[in-house]
Amino acid sequence: PPGTRFEYGPAPFQAFGEIMRRKLRRDADPLAYLQRRVLAPIGVHP
């Protein structure tokens, strides 16, 4: 059940990536969204 156990691994973050992909209209890519909204404005360029 959610909220009952800590389990470290990659799947939850990838599921979040899919949530963002479906929610975005202007950017279909979560990384493009991060770059536009945060990284580029603060001068960070991976």
All heavy atoms as atom14 arrays in JSON, in Angstrom:
{
  "sequence": "PPGTRFEYGPAPFQAFGEIMRRKLRRDADPLAYLQRRVLAPIGVHP",
  "atom14_mask": [
    [1, 1, 1, 1, 1, 1, 1, 0, 0, 0, 0, 0, 0, 0],
    [1, 1, 1, 1, 1, 1, 1, 0, 0, 0, 0, 0, 0, 0],
    [1, 1, 1, 1, 0, 0, 0, 0, 0, 0, 0, 0, 0, 0],
    [1, 1, 1, 1, 1, 1, 1, 0, 0, 0, 0, 0, 0, 0],
    [1, 1, 1, 1, 1, 1, 1, 1, 1, 1, 1, 0, 0, 0],
    [1, 1, 1, 1, 1, 1, 1, 1, 1, 1, 1, 0, 0, 0],
    [1, 1, 1, 1, 1, 1, 1, 1, 1, 0, 0, 0, 0, 0],
    [1, 1, 1, 1, 1, 1, 1, 1, 1, 1, 1, 1, 0, 0],
    [1, 1, 1, 1, 0, 0, 0, 0, 0, 0, 0, 0, 0, 0],
    [1, 1, 1, 1, 1, 1, 1, 0, 0, 0, 0, 0, 0, 0],
    [1, 1, 1, 1, 1, 0, 0, 0, 0, 0, 0, 0, 0, 0],
    [1, 1, 1, 1, 1, 1, 1, 0, 0, 0, 0, 0, 0, 0],
    [1, 1, 1, 1, 1, 1, 1, 1, 1, 1, 1, 0, 0, 0],
    [1, 1, 1, 1, 1, 1, 1, 1, 1, 0, 0, 0, 0, 0],
    [1, 1, 1, 1, 1, 0, 0, 0, 0, 0, 0, 0, 0, 0],
    [1, 1, 1, 1, 1, 1, 1, 1, 1, 1, 1, 0, 0, 0],
    [1, 1, 1, 1, 0, 0, 0, 0, 0, 0, 0, 0, 0, 0],
    [1, 1, 1, 1, 1, 1, 1, 1, 1, 0, 0, 0, 0, 0],
    [1, 1, 1, 1, 1, 1, 1, 1, 0, 0, 0, 0, 0, 0],
    [1, 1, 1, 1, 1, 1, 1, 1, 0, 0, 0, 0, 0, 0],
    [1, 1, 1, 1, 1, 1, 1, 1, 1, 1, 1, 0, 0, 0],
    [1, 1, 1, 1, 1, 1, 1, 1, 1, 1, 1, 0, 0, 0],
    [1, 1, 1, 1, 1, 1, 1, 1, 1, 0, 0, 0, 0, 0],
    [1, 1, 1, 1, 1, 1, 1, 1, 0, 0, 0, 0, 0, 0],
    [1, 1, 1, 1, 1, 1, 1, 1, 1, 1, 1, 0, 0, 0],
    [1, 1, 1, 1, 1, 1, 1, 1, 1, 1, 1, 0, 0, 0],
    [1, 1, 1, 1, 1, 1, 1, 1, 0, 0, 0, 0, 0, 0],
    [1, 1, 1, 1, 1, 0, 0, 0, 0, 0, 0, 0, 0, 0],
    [1, 1, 1, 1, 1, 1, 1, 1, 0, 0, 0, 0, 0, 0],
    [1, 1, 1, 1, 1, 1, 1, 0, 0, 0, 0, 0, 0, 0],
    [1, 1, 1, 1, 1, 1, 1, 1, 0, 0, 0, 0, 0, 0],
    [1, 1, 1, 1, 1, 0, 0, 0, 0, 0, 0, 0, 0, 0],
    [1, 1, 1, 1, 1, 1, 1, 1, 1, 1, 1, 1, 0, 0],
    [1, 1, 1, 1, 1, 1, 1, 1, 0, 0, 0, 0, 0, 0],
    [1, 1, 1, 1, 1, 1, 1, 1, 1, 0, 0, 0, 0, 0],
    [1, 1, 1, 1, 1, 1, 1, 1, 1, 1, 1, 0, 0, 0],
    [1, 1, 1, 1, 1, 1, 1, 1, 1, 1, 1, 0, 0, 0],
    [1, 1, 1, 1, 1, 1, 1, 0, 0, 0, 0, 0, 0, 0],
    [1, 1, 1, 1, 1, 1, 1, 1, 0, 0, 0, 0, 0, 0],
    [1, 1, 1, 1, 1, 0, 0, 0, 0, 0, 0, 0, 0, 0],
    [1, 1, 1, 1, 1, 1, 1, 0, 0, 0, 0, 0, 0, 0],
    [1, 1, 1, 1, 1, 1, 1, 1, 0, 0, 0, 0, 0, 0],
    [1, 1, 1, 1, 0, 0, 0, 0, 0, 0, 0, 0, 0, 0],
    [1, 1, 1, 1, 1, 1, 1, 0, 0, 0, 0, 0, 0, 0],
    [1, 1, 1, 1, 1, 1, 1, 1, 1, 1, 0, 0, 0, 0],
    [1, 1, 1, 1, 1, 1, 1, 0, 0, 0, 0, 0, 0, 0]
  ],
  "atom14_positions": [
    [[0.85, -1.21, 0.0], [0.0, 0.0, 0.0], [0.87, 1.24, 0.0], [1.92, 1.27, 0.66], [-0.8, -0.13, 1.3], [-0.76, -1.58, 1.64], [0.57, -2.08, 1.16], [0.0, 0.0, 0.0], [0.0, 0.0, 0.0], [0.0, 0.0, 0.0], [0.0, 0.0, 0.0], [0.0, 0.0, 0.0], [0.0, 0.0, 0.0], [0.0, 0.0, 0.0]],
    [[0.5, 2.28, -0.72], [1.31, 3.5, -0.75], [1.45, 4.11, 0.64], [0.53, 4.06, 1.46], [0.54, 4.42, -1.7], [-0.82, 3.86, -1.78], [-0.7, 2.4, -1.57], [0.0, 0.0, 0.0], [0.0, 0.0, 0.0], [0.0, 0.0, 0.0], [0.0, 0.0, 0.0], [0.0, 0.0, 0.0], [0.0, 0.0, 0.0], [0.0, 0.0, 0.0]],
    [[2.64, 4.66, 0.89], [2.9, 5.31, 2.16], [3.28, 4.4, 3.29], [3.38, 4.85, 4.43], [0.0, 0.0, 0.0], [0.0, 0.0, 0.0], [0.0, 0.0, 0.0], [0.0, 0.0, 0.0], [0.0, 0.0, 0.0], [0.0, 0.0, 0.0], [0.0, 0.0, 0.0], [0.0, 0.0, 0.0], [0.0, 0.0, 0.0], [0.0, 0.0, 0.0]],
    [[3.55, 3.12, 3.0], [3.84, 2.17, 4.07], [5.27, 1.65, 4.07], [5.71, 1.09, 5.07], [2.9, 0.96, 4.0], [3.11, 0.26, 2.76], [1.45, 1.4, 4.12], [0.0, 0.0, 0.0], [0.0, 0.0, 0.0], [0.0, 0.0, 0.0], [0.0, 0.0, 0.0], [0.0, 0.0, 0.0], [0.0, 0.0, 0.0], [0.0, 0.0, 0.0]],
    [[6.0, 1.83, 2.96], [7.34, 1.25, 2.88], [8.21, 2.06, 1.92], [7.77, 2.44, 0.84], [7.25, -0.2, 2.41], [8.59, -0.91, 2.27], [8.38, -2.4, 2.15], [9.62, -3.09, 1.89], [9.84, -4.35, 2.2], [8.87, -5.07, 2.78], [11.0, -4.94, 1.93], [0.0, 0.0, 0.0], [0.0, 0.0, 0.0], [0.0, 0.0, 0.0]],
    [[9.48, 2.32, 2.35], [10.46, 2.98, 1.49], [11.13, 1.94, 0.61], [11.64, 0.94, 1.11], [11.51, 3.69, 2.35], [12.61, 4.36, 1.55], [12.41, 5.59, 0.96], [13.86, 3.75, 1.42], [13.42, 6.21, 0.24], [14.88, 4.36, 0.7], [14.66, 5.6, 0.11], [0.0, 0.0, 0.0], [0.0, 0.0, 0.0], [0.0, 0.0, 0.0]],
    [[11.12, 2.18, -0.68], [11.77, 1.25, -1.62], [12.5, 2.06, -2.67], [11.9, 2.78, -3.48], [10.72, 0.35, -2.27], [11.31, -0.64, -3.24], [11.12, -2.1, -2.79], [10.5, -2.32, -1.75], [11.59, -2.98, -3.52], [0.0, 0.0, 0.0], [0.0, 0.0, 0.0], [0.0, 0.0, 0.0], [0.0, 0.0, 0.0], [0.0, 0.0, 0.0]],
    [[13.84, 1.96, -2.65], [14.68, 2.75, -3.53], [14.81, 2.09, -4.9], [15.08, 0.88, -4.98], [16.07, 2.92, -2.92], [16.97, 3.86, -3.67], [16.87, 5.23, -3.5], [17.92, 3.37, -4.56], [17.7, 6.1, -4.18], [18.76, 4.23, -5.25], [18.64, 5.6, -5.06], [19.46, 6.45, -5.75], [0.0, 0.0, 0.0], [0.0, 0.0, 0.0]],
    [[14.61, 2.85, -5.96], [14.75, 2.31, -7.3], [14.25, 3.29, -8.34], [13.7, 4.34, -8.03], [0.0, 0.0, 0.0], [0.0, 0.0, 0.0], [0.0, 0.0, 0.0], [0.0, 0.0, 0.0], [0.0, 0.0, 0.0], [0.0, 0.0, 0.0], [0.0, 0.0, 0.0], [0.0, 0.0, 0.0], [0.0, 0.0, 0.0], [0.0, 0.0, 0.0]],
    [[14.4, 2.95, -9.63], [14.14, 3.9, -10.71], [12.7, 3.99, -11.18], [12.3, 5.01, -11.75], [15.04, 3.4, -11.83], [15.12, 1.92, -11.61], [15.1, 1.73, -10.12], [0.0, 0.0, 0.0], [0.0, 0.0, 0.0], [0.0, 0.0, 0.0], [0.0, 0.0, 0.0], [0.0, 0.0, 0.0], [0.0, 0.0, 0.0], [0.0, 0.0, 0.0]],
    [[11.9, 2.94, -11.01], [10.57, 2.9, -11.63], [9.67, 4.07, -11.24], [8.99, 4.64, -12.11], [9.87, 1.57, -11.33], [0.0, 0.0, 0.0], [0.0, 0.0, 0.0], [0.0, 0.0, 0.0], [0.0, 0.0, 0.0], [0.0, 0.0, 0.0], [0.0, 0.0, 0.0], [0.0, 0.0, 0.0], [0.0, 0.0, 0.0], [0.0, 0.0, 0.0]],
    [[9.59, 4.48, -9.96], [8.69, 5.6, -9.62], [9.04, 6.89, -10.35], [8.15, 7.66, -10.73], [8.86, 5.73, -8.1], [9.29, 4.38, -7.64], [10.18, 3.88, -8.74], [0.0, 0.0, 0.0], [0.0, 0.0, 0.0], [0.0, 0.0, 0.0], [0.0, 0.0, 0.0], [0.0, 0.0, 0.0], [0.0, 0.0, 0.0], [0.0, 0.0, 0.0]],
    [[10.33, 7.15, -10.55], [10.73, 8.38, -11.24], [10.38, 8.31, -12.72], [10.0, 9.33, -13.32], [12.23, 8.61, -11.05], [12.62, 8.85, -9.62], [13.18, 7.84, -8.86], [12.4, 10.08, -9.01], [13.53, 8.04, -7.54], [12.73, 10.3, -7.69], [13.3, 9.28, -6.95], [0.0, 0.0, 0.0], [0.0, 0.0, 0.0], [0.0, 0.0, 0.0]],
    [[10.48, 7.13, -13.31], [10.1, 6.99, -14.7], [8.58, 7.12, -14.86], [8.09, 7.7, -15.84], [10.58, 5.65, -15.25], [12.09, 5.54, -15.41], [12.63, 6.39, -16.55], [12.89, 7.57, -16.37], [12.78, 5.8, -17.72], [0.0, 0.0, 0.0], [0.0, 0.0, 0.0], [0.0, 0.0, 0.0], [0.0, 0.0, 0.0], [0.0, 0.0, 0.0]],
    [[7.83, 6.62, -13.88], [6.38, 6.81, -13.91], [6.03, 8.29, -13.81], [5.11, 8.78, -14.48], [5.72, 6.02, -12.77], [0.0, 0.0, 0.0], [0.0, 0.0, 0.0], [0.0, 0.0, 0.0], [0.0, 0.0, 0.0], [0.0, 0.0, 0.0], [0.0, 0.0, 0.0], [0.0, 0.0, 0.0], [0.0, 0.0, 0.0], [0.0, 0.0, 0.0]],
    [[6.78, 9.03, -12.98], [6.56, 10.47, -12.89], [6.89, 11.14, -14.23], [6.2, 12.08, -14.66], [7.43, 11.08, -11.79], [7.4, 12.58, -11.74], [6.27, 13.25, -11.3], [8.49, 13.32, -12.16], [6.24, 14.64, -11.27], [8.47, 14.7, -12.13], [7.34, 15.36, -11.68], [0.0, 0.0, 0.0], [0.0, 0.0, 0.0], [0.0, 0.0, 0.0]],
    [[7.93, 10.66, -14.91], [8.24, 11.19, -16.23], [7.08, 11.04, -17.19], [6.77, 11.94, -17.97], [0.0, 0.0, 0.0], [0.0, 0.0, 0.0], [0.0, 0.0, 0.0], [0.0, 0.0, 0.0], [0.0, 0.0, 0.0], [0.0, 0.0, 0.0], [0.0, 0.0, 0.0], [0.0, 0.0, 0.0], [0.0, 0.0, 0.0], [0.0, 0.0, 0.0]],
    [[6.39, 9.89, -17.13], [5.24, 9.68, -18.0], [4.07, 10.58, -17.61], [3.35, 11.09, -18.48], [4.8, 8.21, -17.96], [3.56, 7.88, -18.76], [3.7, 8.13, -20.27], [4.83, 8.37, -20.75], [2.66, 8.1, -20.97], [0.0, 0.0, 0.0], [0.0, 0.0, 0.0], [0.0, 0.0, 0.0], [0.0, 0.0, 0.0], [0.0, 0.0, 0.0]],
    [[3.89, 10.82, -16.32], [2.85, 11.75, -15.88], [3.11, 13.13, -16.47], [2.21, 13.78, -17.02], [2.79, 11.81, -14.34], [2.22, 10.51, -13.78], [1.95, 13.0, -13.88], [2.3, 10.4, -12.28], [0.0, 0.0, 0.0], [0.0, 0.0, 0.0], [0.0, 0.0, 0.0], [0.0, 0.0, 0.0], [0.0, 0.0, 0.0], [0.0, 0.0, 0.0]],
    [[4.36, 13.58, -16.38], [4.69, 14.9, -16.92], [4.51, 14.91, -18.44], [4.01, 15.9, -19.0], [6.12, 15.28, -16.55], [6.32, 15.66, -15.1], [5.3, 17.08, -14.57], [5.82, 18.34, -15.72], [0.0, 0.0, 0.0], [0.0, 0.0, 0.0], [0.0, 0.0, 0.0], [0.0, 0.0, 0.0], [0.0, 0.0, 0.0], [0.0, 0.0, 0.0]],
    [[4.91, 13.84, -19.1], [4.77, 13.81, -20.56], [3.31, 13.98, -20.97], [3.0, 14.69, -21.92], [5.31, 12.48, -21.09], [5.44, 12.42, -22.61], [5.72, 11.02, -23.11], [4.55, 10.16, -22.93], [3.51, 10.14, -23.76], [3.46, 10.96, -24.8], [2.49, 9.33, -23.54], [0.0, 0.0, 0.0], [0.0, 0.0, 0.0], [0.0, 0.0, 0.0]],
    [[2.4, 13.32, -20.24], [0.98, 13.4, -20.59], [0.38, 14.76, -20.23], [-0.55, 15.22, -20.89], [0.21, 12.28, -19.89], [0.61, 10.89, -20.35], [-0.3, 9.83, -19.78], [0.22, 8.48, -20.02], [-0.43, 7.35, -19.72], [-1.64, 7.42, -19.16], [0.11, 6.18, -19.96], [0.0, 0.0, 0.0], [0.0, 0.0, 0.0], [0.0, 0.0, 0.0]],
    [[0.9, 15.39, -19.18], [0.33, 16.67, -18.76], [0.79, 17.84, -19.61], [0.1, 18.85, -19.71], [0.67, 16.93, -17.28], [-0.15, 16.1, -16.3], [0.21, 16.43, -14.88], [-0.69, 15.72, -13.88], [-2.07, 16.26, -13.87], [0.0, 0.0, 0.0], [0.0, 0.0, 0.0], [0.0, 0.0, 0.0], [0.0, 0.0, 0.0], [0.0, 0.0, 0.0]],
    [[1.97, 17.72, -20.19], [2.54, 18.84, -20.93], [1.88, 19.01, -22.28], [1.63, 18.06, -23.0], [4.04, 18.64, -21.11], [4.88, 18.73, -19.83], [6.3, 18.27, -20.1], [4.88, 20.17, -19.31], [0.0, 0.0, 0.0], [0.0, 0.0, 0.0], [0.0, 0.0, 0.0], [0.0, 0.0, 0.0], [0.0, 0.0, 0.0], [0.0, 0.0, 0.0]],
    [[1.64, 20.24, -22.64], [1.12, 20.55, -23.96], [2.19, 21.26, -24.79], [2.48, 20.88, -25.91], [-0.14, 21.43, -23.85], [-1.32, 20.69, -23.21], [-2.56, 21.55, -23.18], [-3.72, 20.81, -22.68], [-4.04, 20.7, -21.42], [-3.29, 21.29, -20.49], [-5.1, 20.02, -21.03], [0.0, 0.0, 0.0], [0.0, 0.0, 0.0], [0.0, 0.0, 0.0]],
    [[2.81, 22.26, -24.17], [3.84, 23.02, -24.9], [5.1, 22.18, -25.09], [5.76, 22.25, -26.13], [4.17, 24.3, -24.13], [5.22, 25.16, -24.79], [5.33, 26.48, -24.06], [6.39, 27.31, -24.62], [6.66, 28.53, -24.19], [5.94, 29.07, -23.21], [7.63, 29.23, -24.73], [0.0, 0.0, 0.0], [0.0, 0.0, 0.0], [0.0, 0.0, 0.0]],
    [[5.47, 21.41, -24.08], [6.65, 20.54, -24.15], [6.2, 19.11, -23.89], [5.72, 18.8, -22.81], [7.69, 20.93, -23.09], [8.19, 22.35, -23.25], [8.7, 22.64, -24.34], [8.06, 23.13, -22.31], [0.0, 0.0, 0.0], [0.0, 0.0, 0.0], [0.0, 0.0, 0.0], [0.0, 0.0, 0.0], [0.0, 0.0, 0.0], [0.0, 0.0, 0.0]],
    [[6.39, 18.23, -24.86], [6.03, 16.83, -24.66], [7.13, 16.07, -23.94], [6.99, 14.89, -23.67], [5.74, 16.18, -26.01], [0.0, 0.0, 0.0], [0.0, 0.0, 0.0], [0.0, 0.0, 0.0], [0.0, 0.0, 0.0], [0.0, 0.0, 0.0], [0.0, 0.0, 0.0], [0.0, 0.0, 0.0], [0.0, 0.0, 0.0], [0.0, 0.0, 0.0]],
    [[8.21, 16.75, -23.63], [9.41, 16.14, -23.08], [9.68, 16.77, -21.7], [9.88, 17.96, -21.6], [10.57, 16.4, -24.04], [11.87, 15.77, -23.62], [12.2, 15.82, -22.43], [12.57, 15.25, -24.5], [0.0, 0.0, 0.0], [0.0, 0.0, 0.0], [0.0, 0.0, 0.0], [0.0, 0.0, 0.0], [0.0, 0.0, 0.0], [0.0, 0.0, 0.0]],
    [[9.71, 15.97, -20.61], [9.94, 16.55, -19.28], [11.26, 17.29, -19.17], [11.35, 18.27, -18.42], [9.9, 15.33, -18.36], [9.12, 14.3, -19.1], [9.41, 14.52, -20.55], [0.0, 0.0, 0.0], [0.0, 0.0, 0.0], [0.0, 0.0, 0.0], [0.0, 0.0, 0.0], [0.0, 0.0, 0.0], [0.0, 0.0, 0.0], [0.0, 0.0, 0.0]],
    [[12.3, 16.84, -19.87], [13.58, 17.53, -19.82], [13.48, 18.89, -20.48], [14.02, 19.88, -19.97], [14.67, 16.69, -20.48], [16.05, 17.34, -20.58], [16.56, 17.79, -19.22], [17.03, 16.4, -21.26], [0.0, 0.0, 0.0], [0.0, 0.0, 0.0], [0.0, 0.0, 0.0], [0.0, 0.0, 0.0], [0.0, 0.0, 0.0], [0.0, 0.0, 0.0]],
    [[12.8, 18.98, -21.61], [12.61, 20.28, -22.26], [11.88, 21.24, -21.34], [12.19, 22.44, -21.28], [11.85, 20.11, -23.57], [0.0, 0.0, 0.0], [0.0, 0.0, 0.0], [0.0, 0.0, 0.0], [0.0, 0.0, 0.0], [0.0, 0.0, 0.0], [0.0, 0.0, 0.0], [0.0, 0.0, 0.0], [0.0, 0.0, 0.0], [0.0, 0.0, 0.0]],
    [[10.92, 20.72, -20.58], [10.18, 21.53, -19.62], [11.12, 22.03, -18.52], [11.11, 23.23, -18.17], [9.05, 20.71, -19.03], [8.24, 21.41, -17.96], [7.33, 22.41, -18.29], [8.38, 21.06, -16.62], [6.57, 23.05, -17.32], [7.63, 21.7, -15.64], [6.73, 22.69, -15.98], [5.99, 23.32, -15.01], [0.0, 0.0, 0.0], [0.0, 0.0, 0.0]],
    [[11.94, 21.14, -17.96], [12.88, 21.53, -16.92], [13.86, 22.58, -17.44], [14.14, 23.58, -16.75], [13.66, 20.3, -16.42], [14.8, 20.56, -15.44], [14.28, 21.12, -14.12], [15.61, 19.28, -15.19], [0.0, 0.0, 0.0], [0.0, 0.0, 0.0], [0.0, 0.0, 0.0], [0.0, 0.0, 0.0], [0.0, 0.0, 0.0], [0.0, 0.0, 0.0]],
    [[14.35, 22.4, -18.64], [15.29, 23.36, -19.2], [14.64, 24.72, -19.41], [15.23, 25.75, -19.1], [15.86, 22.82, -20.51], [16.81, 21.64, -20.3], [17.31, 21.05, -21.6], [16.6, 21.0, -22.6], [18.54, 20.59, -21.6], [0.0, 0.0, 0.0], [0.0, 0.0, 0.0], [0.0, 0.0, 0.0], [0.0, 0.0, 0.0], [0.0, 0.0, 0.0]],
    [[13.43, 24.72, -19.94], [12.75, 25.99, -20.22], [12.36, 26.71, -18.94], [12.52, 27.93, -18.83], [11.5, 25.74, -21.08], [10.67, 26.99, -21.34], [9.5, 26.71, -22.27], [8.54, 25.78, -21.71], [7.58, 26.11, -20.84], [7.48, 27.36, -20.42], [6.72, 25.2, -20.41], [0.0, 0.0, 0.0], [0.0, 0.0, 0.0], [0.0, 0.0, 0.0]],
    [[11.86, 25.96, -17.97], [11.31, 26.58, -16.76], [12.35, 26.94, -15.72], [12.19, 27.9, -14.97], [10.27, 25.64, -16.14], [8.97, 25.58, -16.89], [8.18, 26.86, -16.68], [7.54, 26.84, -15.36], [7.95, 27.48, -14.27], [9.03, 28.24, -14.32], [7.3, 27.39, -13.14], [0.0, 0.0, 0.0], [0.0, 0.0, 0.0], [0.0, 0.0, 0.0]],
    [[13.43, 26.14, -15.63], [14.38, 26.35, -14.53], [15.82, 26.47, -15.0], [16.49, 27.47, -14.71], [14.27, 25.18, -13.51], [15.34, 25.31, -12.43], [12.89, 25.16, -12.87], [0.0, 0.0, 0.0], [0.0, 0.0, 0.0], [0.0, 0.0, 0.0], [0.0, 0.0, 0.0], [0.0, 0.0, 0.0], [0.0, 0.0, 0.0], [0.0, 0.0, 0.0]],
    [[16.34, 25.48, -15.69], [17.77, 25.43, -15.94], [18.26, 26.59, -16.8], [19.25, 27.24, -16.46], [18.16, 24.09, -16.57], [17.86, 22.85, -15.72], [18.4, 21.6, -16.4], [18.43, 22.99, -14.31], [0.0, 0.0, 0.0], [0.0, 0.0, 0.0], [0.0, 0.0, 0.0], [0.0, 0.0, 0.0], [0.0, 0.0, 0.0], [0.0, 0.0, 0.0]],
    [[17.59, 26.86, -17.92], [18.02, 27.97, -18.77], [17.92, 29.32, -18.04], [18.86, 30.13, -18.11], [17.22, 27.99, -20.06], [0.0, 0.0, 0.0], [0.0, 0.0, 0.0], [0.0, 0.0, 0.0], [0.0, 0.0, 0.0], [0.0, 0.0, 0.0], [0.0, 0.0, 0.0], [0.0, 0.0, 0.0], [0.0, 0.0, 0.0], [0.0, 0.0, 0.0]],
    [[16.83, 29.61, -17.32], [16.76, 30.9, -16.62], [17.85, 31.11, -15.57], [18.24, 32.25, -15.31], [15.37, 30.87, -15.96], [14.56, 29.98, -16.85], [15.51, 28.92, -17.3], [0.0, 0.0, 0.0], [0.0, 0.0, 0.0], [0.0, 0.0, 0.0], [0.0, 0.0, 0.0], [0.0, 0.0, 0.0], [0.0, 0.0, 0.0], [0.0, 0.0, 0.0]],
    [[18.35, 30.02, -14.95], [19.4, 30.21, -13.93], [20.8, 30.0, -14.51], [21.79, 30.04, -13.77], [19.17, 29.3, -12.71], [19.33, 27.82, -13.06], [17.81, 29.58, -12.09], [19.24, 26.89, -11.85], [0.0, 0.0, 0.0], [0.0, 0.0, 0.0], [0.0, 0.0, 0.0], [0.0, 0.0, 0.0], [0.0, 0.0, 0.0], [0.0, 0.0, 0.0]],
    [[20.88, 29.73, -15.81], [22.18, 29.63, -16.46], [22.86, 28.29, -16.33], [24.09, 28.21, -16.4], [0.0, 0.0, 0.0], [0.0, 0.0, 0.0], [0.0, 0.0, 0.0], [0.0, 0.0, 0.0], [0.0, 0.0, 0.0], [0.0, 0.0, 0.0], [0.0, 0.0, 0.0], [0.0, 0.0, 0.0], [0.0, 0.0, 0.0], [0.0, 0.0, 0.0]],
    [[22.08, 27.22, -16.18], [22.63, 25.86, -16.09], [22.36, 25.14, -17.4], [21.22, 25.11, -17.88], [22.01, 25.1, -14.91], [22.4, 23.62, -14.94], [22.44, 25.73, -13.58], [0.0, 0.0, 0.0], [0.0, 0.0, 0.0], [0.0, 0.0, 0.0], [0.0, 0.0, 0.0], [0.0, 0.0, 0.0], [0.0, 0.0, 0.0], [0.0, 0.0, 0.0]],
    [[23.41, 24.53, -17.95], [23.29, 23.89, -19.25], [23.93, 22.5, -19.19], [25.15, 22.37, -19.35], [23.96, 24.74, -20.33], [23.43, 26.14, -20.39], [22.21, 26.45, -20.95], [23.95, 27.31, -19.91], [21.99, 27.75, -20.84], [23.04, 28.29, -20.22], [0.0, 0.0, 0.0], [0.0, 0.0, 0.0], [0.0, 0.0, 0.0], [0.0, 0.0, 0.0]],
    [[23.14, 21.45, -18.93], [23.71, 20.1, -18.92], [24.43, 19.78, -20.22], [23.95, 20.11, -21.31], [22.47, 19.2, -18.73], [21.46, 20.09, -18.06], [21.69, 21.44, -18.65], [0.0, 0.0, 0.0], [0.0, 0.0, 0.0], [0.0, 0.0, 0.0], [0.0, 0.0, 0.0], [0.0, 0.0, 0.0], [0.0, 0.0, 0.0], [0.0, 0.0, 0.0]]
  ]
}
